[in-house]
C-alpha atoms as a PDB file:
ATOM      1  CA  UNK A   1      -4.205  14.056 -14.851  1.00  0.00           C
ATOM      2  CA  UNK A   2      -5.549  10.820 -13.396  1.00  0.00           C
ATOM      3  CA  UNK A   3      -4.646   9.478  -9.951  1.00  0.00           C
ATOM      4  CA  UNK A   4      -3.609   6.259 -11.731  1.00  0.00           C
ATOM      5  CA  UNK A   5      -0.287   7.986 -12.486  1.00  0.00           C
ATOM      6  CA  UNK A   6       0.700   7.894  -8.790  1.00  0.00           C
ATOM      7  CA  UNK A   7       2.103   4.412  -9.578  1.00  0.00           C
ATOM      8  CA  UNK A   8       3.576   2.956 -12.772  1.00  0.00           C
ATOM      9  CA  UNK A   9       1.450  -0.214 -12.814  1.00  0.00           C
ATOM     10  CA  UNK A  10      -2.163  -0.968 -13.732  1.00  0.00           C
ATOM     11  CA  UNK A  11      -4.425  -3.893 -12.975  1.00  0.00           C
ATOM     12  CA  UNK A  12      -5.252  -6.125 -15.915  1.00  0.00           C
ATOM     13  CA  UNK A  13      -8.938  -6.826 -16.285  1.00  0.00           C
ATOM     14  CA  UNK A  14     -10.004  -4.931 -13.170  1.00  0.00           C
ATOM     15  CA  UNK A  15     -13.790  -4.469 -13.371  1.00  0.00           C
ATOM     16  CA  UNK A  16     -14.856  -0.843 -13.912  1.00  0.00           C
ATOM     17  CA  UNK A  17     -17.073   0.733 -11.233  1.00  0.00           C
ATOM     18  CA  UNK A  18     -20.136   0.491 -13.479  1.00  0.00           C
ATOM     19  CA  UNK A  19     -19.771  -3.296 -13.737  1.00  0.00           C
ATOM     20  CA  UNK A  20     -19.277  -3.626  -9.976  1.00  0.00           C
ATOM     21  CA  UNK A  21     -22.460  -1.633  -9.462  1.00  0.00           C
ATOM     22  CA  UNK A  22     -24.414  -3.870 -11.861  1.00  0.00           C
ATOM     23  CA  UNK A  23     -23.190  -6.989 -10.075  1.00  0.00           C
ATOM     24  CA  UNK A  24     -24.294  -5.480  -6.769  1.00  0.00           C
ATOM     25  CA  UNK A  25     -27.733  -4.723  -8.197  1.00  0.00           C
ATOM     26  CA  UNK A  26     -27.967  -8.253  -9.628  1.00  0.00           C
ATOM     27  CA  UNK A  27     -27.239  -9.792  -6.212  1.00  0.00           C
ATOM     28  CA  UNK A  28     -29.881  -7.624  -4.585  1.00  0.00           C
ATOM     29  CA  UNK A  29     -32.321  -8.314  -7.436  1.00  0.00           C
ATOM     30  CA  UNK A  30     -32.246 -12.063  -6.832  1.00  0.00           C
ATOM     31  CA  UNK A  31     -34.825 -11.471  -4.096  1.00  0.00           C
ATOM     32  CA  UNK A  32     -37.353 -10.926  -6.893  1.00  0.00           C
ATOM     33  CA  UNK A  33     -36.512 -14.179  -8.714  1.00  0.00           C
ATOM     34  CA  UNK A  34     -38.628 -16.599  -6.696  1.00  0.00           C
ATOM     35  CA  UNK A  35     -38.160 -19.510  -9.113  1.00  0.00           C
ATOM     36  CA  UNK A  36     -34.362 -19.269  -8.961  1.00  0.00           C
ATOM     37  CA  UNK A  37     -34.391 -19.083  -5.172  1.00  0.00           C
ATOM     38  CA  UNK A  38     -36.823 -22.023  -4.958  1.00  0.00           C
ATOM     39  CA  UNK A  39     -34.261 -24.200  -6.780  1.00  0.00           C
ATOM     40  CA  UNK A  40     -31.940 -23.550  -3.832  1.00  0.00           C
ATOM     41  CA  UNK A  41     -34.629 -24.092  -1.219  1.00  0.00           C
ATOM     42  CA  UNK A  42     -34.876 -20.408  -0.269  1.00  0.00           C
ATOM     43  CA  UNK A  43     -37.918 -18.146  -0.154  1.00  0.00           C
ATOM     44  CA  UNK A  44     -37.644 -14.439  -1.151  1.00  0.00           C
ATOM     45  CA  UNK A  45     -38.227 -13.436   2.477  1.00  0.00           C
ATOM     46  CA  UNK A  46     -35.483 -15.769   3.704  1.00  0.00           C
ATOM     47  CA  UNK A  47     -33.111 -14.431   1.052  1.00  0.00           C
ATOM     48  CA  UNK A  48     -33.622 -10.809   2.055  1.00  0.00           C
ATOM     49  CA  UNK A  49     -33.246 -11.651   5.734  1.00  0.00           C
ATOM     50  CA  UNK A  50     -30.081 -13.726   5.268  1.00  0.00           C
ATOM     51  CA  UNK A  51     -28.330 -11.616   2.610  1.00  0.00           C
ATOM     52  CA  UNK A  52     -26.334  -9.315   4.964  1.00  0.00           C
ATOM     53  CA  UNK A  53     -25.097 -12.283   7.021  1.00  0.00           C
ATOM     54  CA  UNK A  54     -24.259 -14.231   3.861  1.00  0.00           C
ATOM     55  CA  UNK A  55     -22.204 -11.322   2.496  1.00  0.00           C
ATOM     56  CA  UNK A  56     -20.300 -11.029   5.784  1.00  0.00           C
ATOM     57  CA  UNK A  57     -19.691 -14.794   5.826  1.00  0.00           C
ATOM     58  CA  UNK A  58     -18.401 -14.704   2.253  1.00  0.00           C
ATOM     59  CA  UNK A  59     -16.085 -11.815   3.067  1.00  0.00           C
ATOM     60  CA  UNK A  60     -14.781 -13.713   6.070  1.00  0.00           C
ATOM     61  CA  UNK A  61     -14.094 -16.879   4.112  1.00  0.00           C
ATOM     62  CA  UNK A  62     -12.321 -14.889   1.384  1.00  0.00           C
ATOM     63  CA  UNK A  63     -10.191 -13.195   4.031  1.00  0.00           C
ATOM     64  CA  UNK A  64      -9.321 -16.542   5.589  1.00  0.00           C
ATOM     65  CA  UNK A  65      -8.321 -17.918   2.194  1.00  0.00           C
ATOM     66  CA  UNK A  66      -5.806 -15.070   1.909  1.00  0.00           C
ATOM     67  CA  UNK A  67      -4.013 -16.079   5.122  1.00  0.00           C
ATOM     68  CA  UNK A  68      -1.025 -17.436   3.181  1.00  0.00           C
ATOM     69  CA  UNK A  69      -0.719 -14.172   1.299  1.00  0.00           C
ATOM     70  CA  UNK A  70      -0.329 -12.277   4.538  1.00  0.00           C
ATOM     71  CA  UNK A  71       2.908 -14.177   5.028  1.00  0.00           C
ATOM     72  CA  UNK A  72       4.321 -12.178   2.124  1.00  0.00           C
ATOM     73  CA  UNK A  73       5.932  -9.520   4.298  1.00  0.00           C
ATOM     74  CA  UNK A  74       7.462 -12.108   6.606  1.00  0.00           C
ATOM     75  CA  UNK A  75       9.080 -13.905   3.691  1.00  0.00           C
ATOM     76  CA  UNK A  76      10.523 -10.649   2.390  1.00  0.00           C
ATOM     77  CA  UNK A  77      11.962  -9.759   5.784  1.00  0.00           C
ATOM     78  CA  UNK A  78      13.491 -13.235   5.998  1.00  0.00           C
ATOM     79  CA  UNK A  79      15.293 -12.470   2.752  1.00  0.00           C
ATOM     80  CA  UNK A  80      16.645  -9.229   4.218  1.00  0.00           C
ATOM     81  CA  UNK A  81      18.053 -11.190   7.157  1.00  0.00           C
ATOM     82  CA  UNK A  82      19.422 -13.911   4.887  1.00  0.00           C
ATOM     83  CA  UNK A  83      21.235 -11.301   2.781  1.00  0.00           C
ATOM     84  CA  UNK A  84      22.757  -9.773   5.916  1.00  0.00           C
ATOM     85  CA  UNK A  85      20.975  -6.471   5.317  1.00  0.00           C
ATOM     86  CA  UNK A  86      18.986  -6.751   8.564  1.00  0.00           C
ATOM     87  CA  UNK A  87      20.323  -8.411  11.709  1.00  0.00           C
ATOM     88  CA  UNK A  88      16.963  -9.244  13.299  1.00  0.00           C
ATOM     89  CA  UNK A  89      13.216  -8.896  12.810  1.00  0.00           C
ATOM     90  CA  UNK A  90      10.782  -8.827  15.716  1.00  0.00           C
ATOM     91  CA  UNK A  91       7.322  -9.820  14.512  1.00  0.00           C
ATOM     92  CA  UNK A  92       4.138  -8.459  16.060  1.00  0.00           C
ATOM     93  CA  UNK A  93       2.414 -10.443  18.802  1.00  0.00           C
ATOM     94  CA  UNK A  94      -1.114 -11.680  18.219  1.00  0.00           C
ATOM     95  CA  UNK A  95      -3.609  -8.993  19.167  1.00  0.00           C
ATOM     96  CA  UNK A  96      -1.035  -6.175  18.993  1.00  0.00           C
ATOM     97  CA  UNK A  97      -0.713  -3.518  16.341  1.00  0.00           C
ATOM     98  CA  UNK A  98       0.994  -5.042  13.321  1.00  0.00           C
ATOM     99  CA  UNK A  99       4.359  -3.331  13.715  1.00  0.00           C
ATOM    100  CA  UNK A 100       7.592  -5.097  12.739  1.00  0.00           C
ATOM    101  CA  UNK A 101      10.841  -4.067  14.415  1.00  0.00           C
ATOM    102  CA  UNK A 102      13.866  -4.371  12.140  1.00  0.00           C
ATOM    103  CA  UNK A 103      17.430  -3.940  13.411  1.00  0.00           C
ATOM    104  CA  UNK A 104      19.332  -2.472  10.465  1.00  0.00           C
ATOM    105  CA  UNK A 105      23.127  -2.013  10.563  1.00  0.00           C
ATOM    106  CA  UNK A 106      24.120   1.598  10.055  1.00  0.00           C
ATOM    107  CA  UNK A 107      20.500   2.762  10.328  1.00  0.00           C
ATOM    108  CA  UNK A 108      19.194   1.664  13.720  1.00  0.00           C
ATOM    109  CA  UNK A 109      15.702   0.371  14.458  1.00  0.00           C
ATOM    110  CA  UNK A 110      13.158   0.582  11.658  1.00  0.00           C
ATOM    111  CA  UNK A 111       9.428   0.219  12.294  1.00  0.00           C
ATOM    112  CA  UNK A 112       7.244  -1.205   9.527  1.00  0.00           C
ATOM    113  CA  UNK A 113       3.529  -0.774  10.175  1.00  0.00           C
ATOM    114  CA  UNK A 114       1.586  -3.339   8.181  1.00  0.00           C
ATOM    115  CA  UNK A 115      -1.753  -2.171   6.770  1.00  0.00           C
ATOM    116  CA  UNK A 116      -4.210  -3.192   4.057  1.00  0.00           C
ATOM    117  CA  UNK A 117      -5.531  -1.002   1.253  1.00  0.00           C
ATOM    118  CA  UNK A 118      -4.858   2.697   1.876  1.00  0.00           C
ATOM    119  CA  UNK A 119      -8.361   3.918   1.006  1.00  0.00           C
ATOM    120  CA  UNK A 120      -9.774   3.687   4.529  1.00  0.00           C
ATOM    121  CA  UNK A 121      -8.898   5.582   7.692  1.00  0.00           C
ATOM    122  CA  UNK A 122      -7.753   2.413   9.485  1.00  0.00           C
ATOM    123  CA  UNK A 123      -5.026   1.738   6.931  1.00  0.00           C
ATOM    124  CA  UNK A 124      -3.952   5.352   6.432  1.00  0.00           C
ATOM    125  CA  UNK A 125      -4.168   7.411   9.614  1.00  0.00           C
ATOM    126  CA  UNK A 126      -4.726   5.049  12.523  1.00  0.00           C
ATOM    127  CA  UNK A 127      -1.161   4.319  13.514  1.00  0.00           C
ATOM    128  CA  UNK A 128       1.439   5.517  15.981  1.00  0.00           C
ATOM    129  CA  UNK A 129       5.166   5.888  15.444  1.00  0.00           C
ATOM    130  CA  UNK A 130       6.920   3.723  18.072  1.00  0.00           C
ATOM    131  CA  UNK A 131       9.154   5.678  20.437  1.00  0.00           C
ATOM    132  CA  UNK A 132      12.014   3.264  19.707  1.00  0.00           C
ATOM    133  CA  UNK A 133      12.000   3.764  15.921  1.00  0.00           C
ATOM    134  CA  UNK A 134      14.744   5.628  14.063  1.00  0.00           C
ATOM    135  CA  UNK A 135      12.660   5.417  10.868  1.00  0.00           C
ATOM    136  CA  UNK A 136       9.025   4.383  10.386  1.00  0.00           C
ATOM    137  CA  UNK A 137       7.217   3.187   7.256  1.00  0.00           C
ATOM    138  CA  UNK A 138       3.595   2.372   6.506  1.00  0.00           C
ATOM    139  CA  UNK A 139       3.424  -0.740   4.290  1.00  0.00           C
ATOM    140  CA  UNK A 140       0.194  -1.130   2.309  1.00  0.00           C
ATOM    141  CA  UNK A 141      -0.468  -4.758   1.338  1.00  0.00           C
ATOM    142  CA  UNK A 142      -3.459  -4.180  -0.914  1.00  0.00           C
ATOM    143  CA  UNK A 143      -5.037  -7.032  -2.887  1.00  0.00           C
ATOM    144  CA  UNK A 144      -8.050  -5.033  -4.062  1.00  0.00           C
ATOM    145  CA  UNK A 145      -8.472  -4.646  -7.817  1.00  0.00           C
ATOM    146  CA  UNK A 146     -11.460  -2.308  -7.617  1.00  0.00           C
ATOM    147  CA  UNK A 147      -9.066   0.547  -8.392  1.00  0.00           C
ATOM    148  CA  UNK A 148      -5.620   0.776  -9.956  1.00  0.00           C
ATOM    149  CA  UNK A 149      -2.649   0.956  -7.547  1.00  0.00           C
ATOM    150  CA  UNK A 150      -2.075   4.658  -8.166  1.00  0.00           C
ATOM    151  CA  UNK A 151      -5.672   5.445  -7.231  1.00  0.00           C
ATOM    152  CA  UNK A 152      -5.334   3.491  -3.975  1.00  0.00           C
ATOM    153  CA  UNK A 153      -2.079   5.285  -3.168  1.00  0.00           C
ATOM    154  CA  UNK A 154      -3.521   8.720  -3.950  1.00  0.00           C
ATOM    155  CA  UNK A 155      -6.451   8.165  -1.591  1.00  0.00           C
ATOM    156  CA  UNK A 156      -4.122   7.062   1.181  1.00  0.00           C
ATOM    157  CA  UNK A 157      -1.779  10.011   0.680  1.00  0.00           C
ATOM    158  CA  UNK A 158      -4.704  12.444   0.804  1.00  0.00           C
ATOM    159  CA  UNK A 159      -5.592  11.079   4.238  1.00  0.00           C
ATOM    160  CA  UNK A 160      -1.957  11.258   5.308  1.00  0.00           C
ATOM    161  CA  UNK A 161      -1.840  14.914   4.251  1.00  0.00           C
ATOM    162  CA  UNK A 162      -4.748  15.708   6.568  1.00  0.00           C
ATOM    163  CA  UNK A 163      -2.869  14.066   9.419  1.00  0.00           C
ATOM    164  CA  UNK A 164       0.423  15.770   8.490  1.00  0.00           C
ATOM    165  CA  UNK A 165      -1.177  19.193   8.941  1.00  0.00           C
ATOM    166  CA  UNK A 166      -3.107  18.207  12.065  1.00  0.00           C
ATOM    167  CA  UNK A 167      -2.167  18.511  15.724  1.00  0.00           C
ATOM    168  CA  UNK A 168      -0.871  14.922  15.752  1.00  0.00           C
ATOM    169  CA  UNK A 169       2.890  15.224  16.044  1.00  0.00           C
ATOM    170  CA  UNK A 170       4.317  11.912  14.807  1.00  0.00           C
ATOM    171  CA  UNK A 171       5.035  11.562  11.093  1.00  0.00           C
ATOM    172  CA  UNK A 172       6.118   8.779   8.772  1.00  0.00           C
ATOM    173  CA  UNK A 173       9.414   8.531   6.936  1.00  0.00           C
ATOM    174  CA  UNK A 174       7.769   6.796   4.015  1.00  0.00           C
ATOM    175  CA  UNK A 175       4.992   4.628   2.614  1.00  0.00           C
ATOM    176  CA  UNK A 176       5.352   1.397   0.635  1.00  0.00           C
ATOM    177  CA  UNK A 177       2.805  -0.221  -1.703  1.00  0.00           C
ATOM    178  CA  UNK A 178       3.621  -3.876  -2.344  1.00  0.00           C
ATOM    179  CA  UNK A 179       2.059  -7.308  -1.940  1.00  0.00           C
ATOM    180  CA  UNK A 180       1.807 -10.726  -3.521  1.00  0.00           C
ATOM    181  CA  UNK A 181      -0.104  -9.427  -6.567  1.00  0.00           C
ATOM    182  CA  UNK A 182       2.828  -7.261  -7.677  1.00  0.00           C
ATOM    183  CA  UNK A 183       4.461  -8.659 -10.782  1.00  0.00           C
ATOM    184  CA  UNK A 184       1.729 -11.245 -11.370  1.00  0.00           C
ATOM    185  CA  UNK A 185      -0.483 -11.530 -14.424  1.00  0.00           C
ATOM    186  CA  UNK A 186      -3.145  -9.321 -12.831  1.00  0.00           C
ATOM    187  CA  UNK A 187      -0.734  -6.538 -11.807  1.00  0.00           C
ATOM    188  CA  UNK A 188       2.251  -6.504 -14.222  1.00  0.00           C
ATOM    189  CA  UNK A 189       5.207  -4.476 -12.955  1.00  0.00           C
ATOM    190  CA  UNK A 190       7.629  -2.388 -15.062  1.00  0.00           C
ATOM    191  CA  UNK A 191      10.362  -3.368 -12.544  1.00  0.00           C
ATOM    192  CA  UNK A 192       9.938  -7.056 -13.399  1.00  0.00           C
ATOM    193  CA  UNK A 193      13.573  -7.375 -14.511  1.00  0.00           C
ATOM    194  CA  UNK A 194      14.639  -6.737 -10.908  1.00  0.00           C
ATOM    195  CA  UNK A 195      12.456  -9.526  -9.487  1.00  0.00           C
ATOM    196  CA  UNK A 196      13.707 -11.997  -6.896  1.00  0.00           C
ATOM    197  CA  UNK A 197      12.342 -15.383  -5.895  1.00  0.00           C
ATOM    198  CA  UNK A 198      10.147 -15.359  -2.780  1.00  0.00           C
ATOM    199  CA  UNK A 199       8.894 -18.847  -1.962  1.00  0.00           C
ATOM    200  CA  UNK A 200       8.917 -19.727  -5.649  1.00  0.00           C
ATOM    201  CA  UNK A 201       7.181 -16.519  -6.761  1.00  0.00           C
ATOM    202  CA  UNK A 202       9.043 -13.923  -8.882  1.00  0.00           C
ATOM    203  CA  UNK A 203       8.600 -10.689  -6.911  1.00  0.00           C
ATOM    204  CA  UNK A 204       9.594  -7.217  -8.185  1.00  0.00           C
ATOM    205  CA  UNK A 205      10.860  -4.383  -5.947  1.00  0.00           C
ATOM    206  CA  UNK A 206       8.228  -2.395  -4.032  1.00  0.00           C
ATOM    207  CA  UNK A 207       6.932   1.078  -4.783  1.00  0.00           C
ATOM    208  CA  UNK A 208       8.544   3.272  -2.108  1.00  0.00           C
ATOM    209  CA  UNK A 209       7.584   6.883  -1.415  1.00  0.00           C
ATOM    210  CA  UNK A 210       9.593   9.085   0.970  1.00  0.00           C
ATOM    211  CA  UNK A 211       7.281  11.334   2.981  1.00  0.00           C
ATOM    212  CA  UNK A 212       7.830  15.009   3.900  1.00  0.00           C
ATOM    213  CA  UNK A 213       9.274  15.955   7.249  1.00  0.00           C
ATOM    214  CA  UNK A 214       7.862  18.641   9.497  1.00  0.00           C
ATOM    215  CA  UNK A 215      10.164  21.620   9.689  1.00  0.00           C
ATOM    216  CA  UNK A 216      11.013  21.361   5.985  1.00  0.00           C
ATOM    217  CA  UNK A 217       8.594  24.209   5.310  1.00  0.00           C
ATOM    218  CA  UNK A 218      10.675  26.938   3.709  1.00  0.00           C
ATOM    219  CA  UNK A 219       8.506  28.843   1.229  1.00  0.00           C
ATOM    220  CA  UNK A 220       5.558  26.624   2.262  1.00  0.00           C
ATOM    221  CA  UNK A 221       7.211  23.645   0.577  1.00  0.00           C
ATOM    222  CA  UNK A 222       7.434  20.184   2.160  1.00  0.00           C
ATOM    223  CA  UNK A 223       9.550  17.839   0.013  1.00  0.00           C
ATOM    224  CA  UNK A 224       7.832  19.186  -3.109  1.00  0.00           C
ATOM    225  CA  UNK A 225      10.900  18.458  -5.239  1.00  0.00           C
ATOM    226  CA  UNK A 226      11.713  15.139  -3.569  1.00  0.00           C
ATOM    227  CA  UNK A 227      14.936  16.288  -1.933  1.00  0.00           C
ATOM    228  CA  UNK A 228      14.511  14.337   1.303  1.00  0.00           C
ATOM    229  CA  UNK A 229      16.525  11.116   1.697  1.00  0.00           C
ATOM    230  CA  UNK A 230      15.960   8.300   4.194  1.00  0.00           C
ATOM    231  CA  UNK A 231      18.110   5.237   4.867  1.00  0.00           C
ATOM    232  CA  UNK A 232      15.855   2.166   4.830  1.00  0.00           C
ATOM    233  CA  UNK A 233      14.825   2.283   1.128  1.00  0.00           C
ATOM    234  CA  UNK A 234      18.415   1.629   0.077  1.00  0.00           C
ATOM    235  CA  UNK A 235      18.617  -1.381   2.393  1.00  0.00           C
ATOM    236  CA  UNK A 236      15.311  -2.784   1.166  1.00  0.00           C
ATOM    237  CA  UNK A 237      16.159  -2.357  -2.511  1.00  0.00           C
ATOM    238  CA  UNK A 238      19.527  -4.080  -2.122  1.00  0.00           C
ATOM    239  CA  UNK A 239      17.544  -7.279  -1.497  1.00  0.00           C
ATOM    240  CA  UNK A 240      16.426  -6.934  -5.137  1.00  0.00           C
ATOM    241  CA  UNK A 241      19.946  -6.437  -6.466  1.00  0.00           C
ATOM    242  CA  UNK A 242      19.649  -2.650  -6.706  1.00  0.00           C
ATOM    243  CA  UNK A 243      22.998  -1.167  -5.683  1.00  0.00           C
ATOM    244  CA  UNK A 244      23.157   2.056  -3.613  1.00  0.00           C
ATOM    245  CA  UNK A 245      24.175   4.234  -6.620  1.00  0.00           C
ATOM    246  CA  UNK A 246      20.963   3.115  -8.373  1.00  0.00           C
ATOM    247  CA  UNK A 247      18.597   3.627  -5.435  1.00  0.00           C
ATOM    248  CA  UNK A 248      17.464   7.148  -6.329  1.00  0.00           C
ATOM    249  CA  UNK A 249      16.110   5.760  -9.615  1.00  0.00           C
ATOM    250  CA  UNK A 250      13.774   3.420  -7.695  1.00  0.00           C
ATOM    251  CA  UNK A 251      12.594   5.567  -4.772  1.00  0.00           C
ATOM    252  CA  UNK A 252       9.652   7.924  -5.205  1.00  0.00           C
ATOM    253  CA  UNK A 253       8.363  10.647  -2.945  1.00  0.00           C
ATOM    254  CA  UNK A 254       5.365  12.549  -1.638  1.00  0.00           C
ATOM    255  CA  UNK A 255       5.464  16.334  -1.373  1.00  0.00           C
ATOM    256  CA  UNK A 256       3.118  19.067  -0.158  1.00  0.00           C
ATOM    257  CA  UNK A 257       2.966  22.726  -1.117  1.00  0.00           C
ATOM    258  CA  UNK A 258       0.927  25.675   0.113  1.00  0.00           C
ATOM    259  CA  UNK A 259      -0.094  28.083  -2.637  1.00  0.00           C
ATOM    260  CA  UNK A 260      -0.376  31.839  -2.262  1.00  0.00           C
ATOM    261  CA  UNK A 261      -4.146  31.531  -1.809  1.00  0.00           C
ATOM    262  CA  UNK A 262      -3.619  29.133   1.103  1.00  0.00           C
ATOM    263  CA  UNK A 263      -4.658  26.000  -0.783  1.00  0.00           C
ATOM    264  CA  UNK A 264      -2.570  22.860  -0.325  1.00  0.00           C
ATOM    265  CA  UNK A 265      -1.261  20.786  -3.212  1.00  0.00           C
ATOM    266  CA  UNK A 266       0.104  17.244  -3.244  1.00  0.00           C
ATOM    267  CA  UNK A 267       2.635  15.642  -5.553  1.00  0.00           C
ATOM    268  CA  UNK A 268       3.225  11.873  -5.738  1.00  0.00           C
ATOM    269  CA  UNK A 269       6.122  10.646  -7.846  1.00  0.00           C
ATOM    270  CA  UNK A 270       7.024   7.013  -8.455  1.00  0.00           C
ATOM    271  CA  UNK A 271      10.398   6.058  -9.936  1.00  0.00           C
ATOM    272  CA  UNK A 272      10.969   2.686 -11.552  1.00  0.00           C
ATOM    273  CA  UNK A 273      14.370   2.823 -13.222  1.00  0.00           C
ATOM    274  CA  UNK A 274      16.870   5.259 -14.698  1.00  0.00           C
ATOM    275  CA  UNK A 275      14.973   8.049 -16.416  1.00  0.00           C
ATOM    276  CA  UNK A 276      11.617   6.382 -15.740  1.00  0.00           C
ATOM    277  CA  UNK A 277       9.029   8.012 -13.483  1.00  0.00           C
ATOM    278  CA  UNK A 278       5.380   8.929 -13.233  1.00  0.00           C
ATOM    279  CA  UNK A 279       3.798  11.791 -11.270  1.00  0.00           C
ATOM    280  CA  UNK A 280       0.345  12.732 -10.044  1.00  0.00           C
ATOM    281  CA  UNK A 281      -0.441  16.180  -8.641  1.00  0.00           C
ATOM    282  CA  UNK A 282      -3.618  17.569  -7.187  1.00  0.00           C
END
């Protein structure tokens, strides 16, 4: 079973790893094409010396061009307030950890920790649950197409599992994978029919996964069957017209299990409508 099945969507036209590798080799190989470089007023020695800085500059400019996309979460939270589902949202201060504080009627204070793609340690395990939070969620805003969403999610969950069984005591209530690519031509979503308008962009509901809770370890089983329920997913999904009785059909889960030989297993299930789900286990 492929890790792609940790989410119901796939990228359209995402370059396979072999093509990415060939492009990388082609960029490096330009140092040997003196005539091509001469047309741009660069010597092979200058190219080799400047290549690392040029790559970093290009990455920086691409990141800066995505500044508007990083407003995605703010626009979604504004909708929650506008619908009366959240009474207030406190946005992070510049230079602070990117943690939003949502006051949710009937729930309390919800912390949303904004991160990028879940592959790396920074976006998966370098976070702290605020002492004021009644529920805490890690929100992955991942624009990378180098892997399908399910593969990104699986890598992040594997890192979260290591932390879950570590000495670190704080745990998450859930993880969310959702950004401006969701529902677009490059990342079609099977929940498209539930889309809402966010700044003129049709946006489908997020992929939500409820995490295990420490103490739920009877028979070495932590949420393996997805029995844990948390409050914020229902509030969030109501902004997409999904009524509380329907919520269970749109909320997935992560579970852990210890086998008789001591090995740990992980299950990741995504739900995207009545009778529709996809699961990855490893």
